[in-house]
Protein backbone atom coordinates (compact mmCIF):
# COMPACT_ATOMS: atom_id res chain seq x y z
CA MET A 1 0.11 11.86 60.98
CA PHE A 2 0.95 7.82 60.33
CA ALA A 3 -1.83 5.66 60.09
CA SER A 4 -1.59 1.65 59.56
CA PRO A 5 -5.10 0.60 59.47
CA GLY A 6 -4.40 -3.45 59.52
CA SER A 7 -2.09 -6.06 57.65
CA ASP A 8 -5.37 -7.81 55.76
CA ILE A 9 -8.40 -6.59 54.11
CA GLY A 10 -11.25 -7.04 57.03
CA GLU A 11 -9.27 -4.97 59.76
CA VAL A 12 -8.62 -2.37 57.22
CA GLU A 13 -12.69 -2.44 56.49
CA LYS A 14 -13.46 -1.90 60.10
CA PHE A 15 -10.59 0.89 60.42
CA ILE A 16 -10.63 3.12 57.46
CA ASP A 17 -13.10 5.20 58.09
CA THR A 18 -12.95 5.11 61.81
CA ILE A 19 -8.91 6.49 60.98
CA SER A 20 -10.42 8.78 57.78
CA GLY A 21 -12.93 10.01 60.51
CA GLY A 22 -11.39 10.98 63.04
CA ALA A 23 -8.35 12.69 61.03
CA SER A 24 -11.65 14.97 59.22
CA ILE A 25 -12.45 15.74 63.06
CA PHE A 26 -8.95 16.53 64.00
CA VAL A 27 -8.16 18.77 60.83
CA ASN A 28 -11.06 20.43 60.47
CA LYS A 29 -11.07 21.58 64.38
CA TYR A 30 -7.93 22.92 63.16
CA ILE A 31 -8.86 24.84 60.21
CA SER A 32 -11.09 26.79 61.69
CA SER A 33 -10.60 27.94 65.06
CA GLU A 34 -6.83 28.28 64.33
CA LYS A 35 -6.87 29.50 60.75
CA MET A 36 -4.67 26.56 59.52
CA SER A 37 -5.55 25.01 55.98
CA ALA A 38 -5.35 21.64 55.09
CA GLU A 39 -2.12 22.05 53.58
CA ASN A 40 -0.78 22.17 57.07
CA PHE A 41 -1.33 18.65 57.52
CA ALA A 42 -0.74 14.75 55.85
CA ILE A 43 -1.64 11.53 57.30
CA VAL A 44 0.80 8.92 55.39
CA VAL A 45 -1.45 5.42 55.67
CA SER A 46 1.04 2.01 55.24
CA VAL A 47 -0.01 -0.67 52.80
CA PRO A 48 1.44 -4.06 53.56
CA GLN A 49 3.08 -5.98 51.20
CA GLY A 50 0.65 -9.42 50.59
CA PRO A 51 -2.17 -10.75 49.01
CA ASP A 52 -4.31 -7.59 50.14
CA ALA A 53 -1.86 -5.45 48.87
CA GLU A 54 -4.30 -4.01 45.88
CA ALA A 55 -7.66 -4.37 48.14
CA ILE A 56 -5.99 -2.54 50.91
CA ARG A 57 -5.07 0.05 48.83
CA ALA A 58 -8.04 0.53 46.77
CA LYS A 59 -9.97 0.92 50.42
CA ILE A 60 -7.48 3.53 51.56
CA GLU A 61 -7.69 5.59 48.36
CA SER A 62 -11.66 5.11 48.59
CA ALA A 63 -11.99 6.86 52.06
CA LYS A 64 -12.39 10.46 52.81
CA TRP A 65 -9.26 12.25 53.77
CA PRO A 66 -9.22 16.04 55.08
CA CYS A 67 -5.35 16.76 53.83
CA LYS A 68 -3.06 15.60 51.85
CA LEU A 69 -3.04 11.66 51.59
CA VAL A 70 0.38 9.55 51.24
CA ILE A 71 0.85 5.52 50.84
CA THR A 72 3.56 3.56 51.52
CA ASP A 73 4.26 0.49 50.89
CA THR A 74 7.67 -0.73 51.48
CA GLN A 75 9.28 -1.01 55.32
CA ASP A 76 11.85 1.55 54.83
CA ALA A 77 8.97 3.99 54.01
CA LYS A 78 6.79 2.82 56.61
CA PHE A 79 9.67 3.40 59.27
CA GLN A 80 10.79 7.03 57.54
CA ALA A 81 6.91 8.10 58.09
CA MET A 82 7.12 7.14 61.36
CA CYS A 83 10.10 9.05 62.50
CA ALA A 84 8.33 12.14 60.39
CA SER A 85 5.26 12.01 62.25
CA ASP A 86 3.51 13.31 65.10
CA LEU A 87 0.38 11.44 66.24
CA GLY A 88 0.12 7.45 64.74
CA ILE A 89 -2.90 5.00 65.03
CA ALA A 90 -2.26 1.84 64.10
CA ALA A 91 -4.18 -1.82 64.16
CA ASN A 92 -2.92 -4.32 67.23
CA GLY A 93 -0.33 -6.15 66.38
CA GLU A 94 3.81 -4.99 65.06
CA THR A 95 3.14 -1.91 63.87
CA VAL A 96 2.50 -0.73 67.57
CA SER A 97 5.87 -1.93 68.53
CA GLU A 98 7.69 -0.53 65.96
CA ALA A 99 5.67 2.67 66.47
CA ALA A 100 6.88 2.30 70.37
CA ALA A 101 10.60 1.53 69.09
CA LEU A 102 10.46 4.60 66.61
CA GLN A 103 9.04 6.67 69.38
CA LEU A 104 5.98 7.62 67.63
CA SER A 105 2.50 8.29 69.95
CA THR A 106 -0.02 5.73 68.56
CA LEU A 107 -3.46 5.04 69.22
CA ILE A 108 -4.14 1.04 68.91
CA LEU A 109 -7.23 -0.30 67.51
CA ASP A 110 -7.92 -3.51 68.20
CA LYS A 111 -10.93 -5.81 65.80
CA MET A 112 -12.78 -7.47 68.83
CA ASP A 113 -16.54 -8.31 68.89
CA PRO A 114 -18.54 -6.77 71.72
CA TRP A 115 -18.43 -10.47 73.76
CA HIS A 116 -14.75 -10.21 73.90
CA THR A 117 -14.22 -6.97 74.10
CA TYR A 118 -16.23 -7.10 77.30
CA MET A 119 -14.52 -9.96 78.91
CA MET A 120 -10.68 -8.71 78.22
CA LEU A 121 -12.12 -5.29 79.90
CA ILE A 122 -13.06 -7.55 82.87
CA LEU A 123 -10.69 -10.09 82.94
CA ASN A 124 -7.50 -8.38 81.53
CA ASN A 125 -7.69 -4.78 81.06
CA TRP A 126 -5.40 -4.99 77.93
CA ASN A 127 -4.99 -7.04 74.92
CA ASN A 128 -1.28 -5.36 73.21
CA ASP A 129 1.52 -6.93 74.52
CA LEU A 130 3.59 -3.51 75.23
CA ASN A 131 0.32 -3.02 77.73
CA ILE A 132 0.46 -6.48 78.94
CA THR A 133 4.11 -6.40 79.73
CA VAL A 134 3.69 -2.96 81.97
CA GLU A 135 0.80 -3.74 83.34
CA GLY A 136 -0.49 -0.47 82.52
CA GLU A 137 -0.90 1.84 79.38
CA ILE A 138 2.22 2.28 77.52
CA PHE A 139 -0.34 3.00 74.45
CA PRO A 140 -3.80 3.75 74.72
CA GLU A 141 -6.17 0.97 73.12
CA LEU A 142 -9.09 2.18 71.84
CA THR A 143 -11.05 -1.28 72.31
CA GLY A 144 -14.60 -0.63 72.51
CA GLN A 145 -13.96 2.65 71.47
CA ASN A 146 -13.44 2.54 68.06
CA PHE A 147 -14.64 5.86 66.29
CA PRO A 148 -13.66 9.05 64.83
CA GLU A 149 -14.43 11.26 68.05
CA LYS A 150 -12.44 9.56 70.50
CA VAL A 151 -9.26 9.63 68.31
CA ALA A 152 -9.83 13.12 67.30
CA GLU A 153 -10.46 13.35 71.09
CA LEU A 154 -6.83 11.56 71.99
CA TRP A 155 -4.91 13.15 68.97
CA GLU A 156 -6.07 16.67 70.61
CA ASP A 157 -5.01 15.90 73.60
CA TRP A 158 -1.35 14.96 72.48
CA TYR A 159 -1.16 17.85 69.76
CA ARG A 160 -1.98 20.58 72.26
CA ASN A 161 0.12 19.28 75.10
CA PRO A 162 3.20 17.28 73.83
CA LYS A 163 4.40 16.13 77.11
CA LEU A 164 1.97 13.50 76.99
CA ARG A 165 3.56 12.05 74.05
CA TYR A 166 7.09 12.26 75.78
CA ASP A 167 5.66 10.89 79.15
CA TYR A 168 4.46 7.52 76.60
CA ILE A 169 8.47 7.71 76.09
CA LYS A 170 9.67 8.06 79.37
CA LYS A 171 7.81 4.73 79.96
CA LEU A 172 9.22 2.70 77.17
CA THR A 173 13.22 3.17 77.87
CA SER A 174 12.68 0.52 80.47
CA VAL A 175 10.69 -1.80 78.49
CA ILE A 176 12.03 -2.01 74.95
CA PRO A 177 15.76 -3.01 75.36
CA ARG A 178 15.01 -5.48 78.29
CA MET A 179 12.95 -7.28 75.51
CA LEU A 180 15.89 -7.79 73.14
CA PRO A 181 19.26 -8.85 73.69
CA GLU A 182 21.71 -6.59 73.48
CA SER A 183 25.13 -6.71 71.25
CA ASP A 184 27.93 -4.36 71.00
CA THR A 185 28.63 -2.20 67.80
CA THR A 186 31.96 -1.87 66.17
CA THR A 187 31.54 0.51 63.36
CA GLN A 188 34.27 2.31 62.88
CA GLU A 189 32.38 5.67 61.79
CA ILE A 190 31.07 5.85 65.58
CA ILE A 191 34.09 5.32 67.30
CA GLU A 192 36.40 7.64 65.27
CA GLU A 193 33.19 9.89 66.49
CA GLY A 194 33.87 8.92 70.02
CA LEU A 195 30.16 8.10 70.39
CA GLU A 196 28.28 5.39 72.11
CA PHE A 197 25.07 4.03 71.68
CA LYS A 198 23.67 0.80 72.06
CA ARG A 199 23.03 -1.98 69.64
CA PHE A 200 19.69 -4.72 70.20
CA GLY A 201 19.17 -7.25 68.35
CA ASN A 202 16.45 -7.24 65.77
CA PRO A 203 12.88 -8.74 67.12
CA GLN A 204 11.73 -11.06 64.05
CA GLN A 205 15.31 -12.84 64.46
CA VAL A 206 14.85 -13.40 68.12
CA ILE A 207 11.25 -14.64 67.72
CA ASN A 208 12.30 -17.26 64.63
CA SER A 209 15.76 -18.09 66.62
CA GLN A 210 13.66 -18.97 69.82
CA LEU A 211 10.85 -20.64 67.47
CA GLN A 212 13.47 -22.72 66.00
CA TYR A 213 14.66 -23.79 69.41
CA PHE A 214 11.05 -24.63 70.32
CA ILE A 215 10.49 -27.11 67.19
CA ASP A 216 13.53 -28.60 67.64
CA THR A 217 13.45 -29.53 71.24
CA TYR A 218 9.82 -30.96 70.44
CA GLU A 219 11.03 -33.43 67.88
CA SER A 220 13.85 -34.47 70.05
CA CYS A 221 10.78 -36.23 72.28
CA GLU A 222 11.52 -39.74 72.24
CA LYS A 223 9.11 -40.90 69.93
CA GLU A 224 9.21 -44.87 71.46
CA SER A 225 7.86 -44.04 74.69
CA THR A 226 5.17 -44.96 75.49
CA GLU A 227 2.65 -42.69 74.86
CA HIS A 228 2.07 -41.63 78.55
CA SER A 229 5.63 -41.15 78.74
CA LEU A 230 5.85 -39.20 75.95
CA GLN A 231 2.26 -36.34 76.82
CA ASP A 232 4.74 -35.99 80.11
CA GLN A 233 7.81 -34.94 78.23
CA ARG A 234 6.07 -32.78 75.72
CA LYS A 235 4.10 -31.20 78.58
CA LEU A 236 7.62 -30.37 79.81
CA VAL A 237 8.84 -28.83 76.64
CA ILE A 238 5.92 -27.02 76.53
CA GLY A 239 6.25 -25.75 79.99
CA GLN A 240 9.69 -24.47 79.16
CA MET A 241 8.64 -22.45 76.21
CA ASN A 242 6.21 -20.61 78.12
CA ASP A 243 8.85 -19.74 80.80
CA ASP A 244 11.49 -18.92 78.08
CA MET A 245 8.79 -16.68 75.83
CA ASP A 246 7.72 -14.99 79.23
CA SER A 247 11.37 -14.20 79.62
CA ILE A 248 11.56 -12.74 76.19
CA PHE A 249 8.85 -11.17 75.80
CA ILE A 250 6.97 -10.20 79.33
CA PRO A 251 9.87 -9.38 81.33
CA THR A 252 9.40 -8.50 85.35
CA LEU A 253 9.85 -4.69 85.63
CA ASN A 254 11.71 -3.02 88.80
CA GLN A 255 8.75 -0.71 90.05
């Protein structure tokens, strides 16, 4: 199992008991019903780098875990843990997209107050970028359902019926490649092996380059124009920004 309880101490404090409690229900059920032991399970929890890292690690270590706990604190170790895991859970954010790219079925936790949860479910249905992209469910969002029993229930469904996890992967095949620019690979070893594969741009680099373009374009507005004209120019730039971002991150899918 893989877990990413958040990028700051506030998120971790909100979600860590839900994650550890869900893991406990899940593991203990199989220990009692399938004659398995805690040694058959392990959970890897990712600690983000940053000013809250030590506090987050202490919070994770103080939680009650039903099986072996492994803590990772580097990007490479996190990706390796995702690749080795069967089940995942993460706070809404970059980690969810990373899990999708690495084909790890992941539950999505969201730190929303009851009012915003209510309005989101009425007006939007989804709060994760991938789910919004396809106007449907890529991964289940536990908005308003951040409690251990729900985590254990969905994990059990995936564990007993692996085809459900394959269904998520199948949905993602039409989403991830269209969100990132494609580039050719000329790796000599790959050519010699007679293999072909597609390589896509780094998401962070795509975002950074696009944001830099927006900044440069915005700064190039004629500063000596009248205030009214300047506001019109800025509206055009902001409109272009929105269109460009939609074309990168919210592609229209052919159904």
